[in-house]
C-alpha atoms as a PDB file:
ATOM      1  CA  UNK A   1       9.543   2.435   8.362  1.00  0.00           C
ATOM      2  CA  UNK A   2      10.327   0.427  11.474  1.00  0.00           C
ATOM      3  CA  UNK A   3       8.198  -2.598  12.276  1.00  0.00           C
ATOM      4  CA  UNK A   4       8.121  -3.704  15.881  1.00  0.00           C
ATOM      5  CA  UNK A   5       6.957  -7.227  15.143  1.00  0.00           C
ATOM      6  CA  UNK A   6       7.573 -10.087  12.751  1.00  0.00           C
ATOM      7  CA  UNK A   7       5.294 -10.401   9.743  1.00  0.00           C
ATOM      8  CA  UNK A   8       4.328 -13.935   8.815  1.00  0.00           C
ATOM      9  CA  UNK A   9       4.820 -15.109   5.210  1.00  0.00           C
ATOM     10  CA  UNK A  10       1.089 -15.266   4.441  1.00  0.00           C
ATOM     11  CA  UNK A  11       0.546 -11.687   5.585  1.00  0.00           C
ATOM     12  CA  UNK A  12       3.617 -10.531   3.699  1.00  0.00           C
ATOM     13  CA  UNK A  13       2.215 -12.157   0.539  1.00  0.00           C
ATOM     14  CA  UNK A  14      -1.103 -10.304   0.987  1.00  0.00           C
ATOM     15  CA  UNK A  15       0.589  -6.955   1.609  1.00  0.00           C
ATOM     16  CA  UNK A  16       2.916  -7.445  -1.361  1.00  0.00           C
ATOM     17  CA  UNK A  17       0.031  -8.416  -3.650  1.00  0.00           C
ATOM     18  CA  UNK A  18      -1.879  -5.283  -2.643  1.00  0.00           C
ATOM     19  CA  UNK A  19       1.217  -3.163  -3.267  1.00  0.00           C
ATOM     20  CA  UNK A  20       1.826  -4.746  -6.673  1.00  0.00           C
ATOM     21  CA  UNK A  21      -1.816  -4.444  -7.767  1.00  0.00           C
ATOM     22  CA  UNK A  22      -2.216  -0.833  -6.673  1.00  0.00           C
ATOM     23  CA  UNK A  23       1.069   0.276  -8.207  1.00  0.00           C
ATOM     24  CA  UNK A  24       0.348  -1.483 -11.485  1.00  0.00           C
ATOM     25  CA  UNK A  25      -3.113   0.103 -11.708  1.00  0.00           C
ATOM     26  CA  UNK A  26      -1.704   3.559 -10.917  1.00  0.00           C
ATOM     27  CA  UNK A  27       1.279   3.232 -13.265  1.00  0.00           C
ATOM     28  CA  UNK A  28       3.774   3.499 -10.420  1.00  0.00           C
ATOM     29  CA  UNK A  29       7.206   2.181 -11.330  1.00  0.00           C
ATOM     30  CA  UNK A  30       9.103  -0.388  -9.247  1.00  0.00           C
ATOM     31  CA  UNK A  31      11.848   1.080  -7.039  1.00  0.00           C
ATOM     32  CA  UNK A  32      10.260   4.537  -7.161  1.00  0.00           C
ATOM     33  CA  UNK A  33       9.628   6.900  -4.258  1.00  0.00           C
ATOM     34  CA  UNK A  34       5.909   6.700  -5.050  1.00  0.00           C
ATOM     35  CA  UNK A  35       5.942   2.930  -4.573  1.00  0.00           C
ATOM     36  CA  UNK A  36       7.610   3.413  -1.194  1.00  0.00           C
ATOM     37  CA  UNK A  37       4.861   5.872  -0.248  1.00  0.00           C
ATOM     38  CA  UNK A  38       2.181   3.368  -1.229  1.00  0.00           C
ATOM     39  CA  UNK A  39       3.948   0.680   0.808  1.00  0.00           C
ATOM     40  CA  UNK A  40       3.998   3.013   3.810  1.00  0.00           C
ATOM     41  CA  UNK A  41       0.288   3.678   3.403  1.00  0.00           C
ATOM     42  CA  UNK A  42      -0.421  -0.056   3.226  1.00  0.00           C
ATOM     43  CA  UNK A  43       1.463  -0.622   6.477  1.00  0.00           C
ATOM     44  CA  UNK A  44      -0.323   2.332   8.071  1.00  0.00           C
ATOM     45  CA  UNK A  45      -3.740   1.020   7.072  1.00  0.00           C
ATOM     46  CA  UNK A  46      -2.864  -2.502   8.171  1.00  0.00           C
ATOM     47  CA  UNK A  47      -1.789  -1.116  11.529  1.00  0.00           C
ATOM     48  CA  UNK A  48      -5.088   0.759  11.712  1.00  0.00           C
ATOM     49  CA  UNK A  49      -7.111  -2.442  11.408  1.00  0.00           C
ATOM     50  CA  UNK A  50      -7.620  -2.938   7.682  1.00  0.00           C
ATOM     51  CA  UNK A  51      -6.911  -6.628   7.192  1.00  0.00           C
ATOM     52  CA  UNK A  52      -8.281  -7.926   3.915  1.00  0.00           C
ATOM     53  CA  UNK A  53      -7.059  -7.216   0.414  1.00  0.00           C
ATOM     54  CA  UNK A  54     -10.336  -5.460  -0.378  1.00  0.00           C
ATOM     55  CA  UNK A  55     -10.191  -3.295   2.763  1.00  0.00           C
ATOM     56  CA  UNK A  56      -6.609  -2.286   2.092  1.00  0.00           C
ATOM     57  CA  UNK A  57      -7.240  -1.498  -1.574  1.00  0.00           C
ATOM     58  CA  UNK A  58     -10.350   0.542  -0.735  1.00  0.00           C
ATOM     59  CA  UNK A  59      -8.457   2.550   1.885  1.00  0.00           C
ATOM     60  CA  UNK A  60      -5.596   3.161  -0.546  1.00  0.00           C
ATOM     61  CA  UNK A  61      -8.012   4.187  -3.274  1.00  0.00           C
ATOM     62  CA  UNK A  62      -9.613   6.752  -0.959  1.00  0.00           C
ATOM     63  CA  UNK A  63      -6.218   8.068   0.157  1.00  0.00           C
ATOM     64  CA  UNK A  64      -4.863   8.338  -3.377  1.00  0.00           C
ATOM     65  CA  UNK A  65      -7.968  10.221  -4.560  1.00  0.00           C
ATOM     66  CA  UNK A  66      -7.391  12.802  -1.822  1.00  0.00           C
ATOM     67  CA  UNK A  67      -3.793  13.499  -2.882  1.00  0.00           C
ATOM     68  CA  UNK A  68      -2.862  16.267  -5.320  1.00  0.00           C
ATOM     69  CA  UNK A  69      -2.922  15.034  -8.947  1.00  0.00           C
ATOM     70  CA  UNK A  70       0.867  15.096  -9.356  1.00  0.00           C
ATOM     71  CA  UNK A  71       1.597  13.197  -6.124  1.00  0.00           C
ATOM     72  CA  UNK A  72       1.262   9.771  -7.749  1.00  0.00           C
ATOM     73  CA  UNK A  73       1.810   8.667 -11.333  1.00  0.00           C
END
């Protein structure tokens, strides 16, 4: 995914923490295609106005519940 702006270190830490927490809870392995999909969703939701850890995790939870059962671990 192409980003058209620089992400500051604090924001990057928040986005990474959300990614790590969600993947750990869902049993998604590091360096997997599923993790990349979750990262893309996080960036999408951030770009859509979700800013806090709780907002991002809630949006991801809703999105992951709507996916077919075999889509994520």
